[in-house]
Amino acid sequence: MNLRDGYCNLKNGECWLENVHIARYSSSGAYFNHEERRPRRLLLHKREIMKMESAVQEKGLTVVPLQAYFNEDNRLKLQVALARGKKLTDKRETIQKRDQERELRRQLKVF
């Protein structure tokens, strides 16, 4: 399972997990397997969905998956959070910091 580019889409009172790669089960045949990146509906309480929808609409936040794990009953659980994307200035600072660290590592290799 790859959660890296995944996000949750809230529509019609439902929460859908989008753009998450879940590998096919290798032991079953090709007929019974699933699409790896298909949207998956998450089971949430209506109150939780309404709270997330209001935060997404008012504050411009995004619902993202953080972690997937199995509980005691061997059911897959997904931890989601409200997150704010980086602004352009934050991205520039991150790129600049990464370039400086890379240059420092290069100079340390030379000596």
Protein backbone atom coordinates (compact mmCIF):
# COMPACT_ATOMS: atom_id res chain seq x y z
CA MET A 1 0.00 0.00 0.00
CA ASN A 2 1.35 3.41 -0.96
CA LEU A 3 -0.28 6.44 0.73
CA ARG A 4 2.20 9.00 -0.59
CA ASP A 5 0.01 10.89 -3.09
CA GLY A 6 -3.31 9.92 -1.57
CA TYR A 7 -6.07 12.24 -0.44
CA CYS A 8 -9.71 12.03 0.64
CA ASN A 9 -12.50 13.53 -1.42
CA LEU A 10 -15.68 14.53 0.41
CA LYS A 11 -18.81 14.50 -1.72
CA ASN A 12 -22.51 13.73 -1.18
CA GLY A 13 -21.97 13.05 2.53
CA GLU A 14 -19.38 10.35 1.79
CA CYS A 15 -15.62 10.21 2.14
CA TRP A 16 -13.67 8.63 -0.75
CA LEU A 17 -10.01 7.67 -0.65
CA GLU A 18 -8.39 8.67 -3.94
CA ASN A 19 -5.01 8.06 -5.61
CA VAL A 20 -3.81 5.38 -3.16
CA HIS A 21 -2.02 2.39 -4.62
CA ILE A 22 -3.05 -0.96 -3.12
CA ALA A 23 -1.23 -3.86 -4.77
CA ARG A 24 -3.09 -6.81 -6.23
CA TYR A 25 -3.27 -10.04 -4.30
CA SER A 26 -0.80 -12.35 -6.02
CA SER A 27 -2.38 -15.67 -4.94
CA SER A 28 -5.77 -15.07 -6.57
CA GLY A 29 -6.41 -15.20 -10.28
CA ALA A 30 -6.61 -12.21 -12.59
CA TYR A 31 -10.40 -12.31 -12.72
CA PHE A 32 -10.99 -11.68 -9.00
CA ASN A 33 -8.40 -8.94 -8.54
CA HIS A 34 -9.11 -5.23 -8.20
CA GLU A 35 -7.86 -2.06 -9.84
CA GLU A 36 -4.88 -0.80 -7.89
CA ARG A 37 -5.75 2.92 -7.83
CA ARG A 38 -9.54 2.81 -7.76
CA PRO A 39 -11.41 5.18 -5.39
CA ARG A 40 -12.40 3.52 -2.15
CA ARG A 41 -15.21 4.62 0.15
CA LEU A 42 -14.23 5.16 3.77
CA LEU A 43 -16.67 4.33 6.52
CA LEU A 44 -16.96 7.33 8.84
CA HIS A 45 -19.63 8.70 11.13
CA LYS A 46 -21.81 11.36 9.54
CA ARG A 47 -20.75 13.85 12.21
CA GLU A 48 -17.05 13.31 11.37
CA ILE A 49 -17.71 13.81 7.66
CA MET A 50 -19.66 17.02 8.30
CA LYS A 51 -16.85 18.36 10.51
CA MET A 52 -14.24 17.60 7.85
CA GLU A 53 -16.39 19.11 5.06
CA SER A 54 -16.76 22.38 6.96
CA ALA A 55 -12.99 22.57 7.59
CA VAL A 56 -12.22 21.86 3.94
CA GLN A 57 -14.67 24.49 2.67
CA GLU A 58 -14.00 27.26 5.22
CA LYS A 59 -10.29 26.94 5.94
CA GLY A 60 -9.08 25.42 2.66
CA LEU A 61 -7.65 22.30 4.30
CA THR A 62 -7.20 18.88 2.70
CA VAL A 63 -7.98 15.47 4.18
CA VAL A 64 -4.94 13.20 3.80
CA PRO A 65 -4.25 9.62 4.92
CA LEU A 66 -1.38 9.32 7.39
CA GLN A 67 -1.18 5.68 8.38
CA ALA A 68 -2.79 2.33 7.64
CA TYR A 69 -2.84 -0.51 10.15
CA PHE A 70 -4.73 -3.67 11.09
CA ASN A 71 -6.72 -3.75 14.35
CA GLU A 72 -7.31 -6.73 16.65
CA ASP A 73 -10.11 -8.03 14.39
CA ASN A 74 -7.79 -7.94 11.33
CA ARG A 75 -9.67 -5.03 9.79
CA LEU A 76 -7.72 -2.40 7.93
CA LYS A 77 -7.93 1.00 9.61
CA LEU A 78 -6.81 4.27 8.08
CA GLN A 79 -5.70 7.28 10.09
CA VAL A 80 -6.62 10.54 8.33
CA ALA A 81 -5.87 14.16 9.18
CA LEU A 82 -6.71 17.66 8.02
CA ALA A 83 -3.64 19.29 6.51
CA ARG A 84 -2.76 22.58 4.91
CA GLY A 85 -0.62 22.62 1.78
CA LYS A 86 2.63 24.53 1.55
CA LYS A 87 2.65 28.03 0.20
CA LEU A 88 5.02 28.99 -2.61
CA THR A 89 7.45 30.73 -0.21
CA ASP A 90 7.60 27.62 1.99
CA LYS A 91 8.40 25.48 -1.04
CA ARG A 92 11.20 27.82 -2.05
CA GLU A 93 12.70 27.67 1.44
CA THR A 94 12.56 23.87 1.43
CA ILE A 95 14.25 23.68 -1.98
CA GLN A 96 16.93 26.14 -0.89
CA LYS A 97 17.61 24.21 2.33
CA ARG A 98 17.82 20.90 0.42
CA ASP A 99 20.29 22.41 -2.10
CA GLN A 100 22.47 23.76 0.71
CA GLU A 101 22.59 20.37 2.42
CA ARG A 102 23.46 18.66 -0.87
CA GLU A 103 26.29 21.16 -1.51
CA LEU A 104 27.60 20.63 2.02
CA ARG A 105 27.66 16.84 1.52
CA ARG A 106 29.53 17.28 -1.77
CA GLN A 107 32.16 19.46 -0.14
CA LEU A 108 32.62 16.98 2.71
CA LYS A 109 33.20 14.16 0.21
CA VAL A 110 35.96 16.14 -1.51
CA PHE A 111 37.97 16.61 1.68
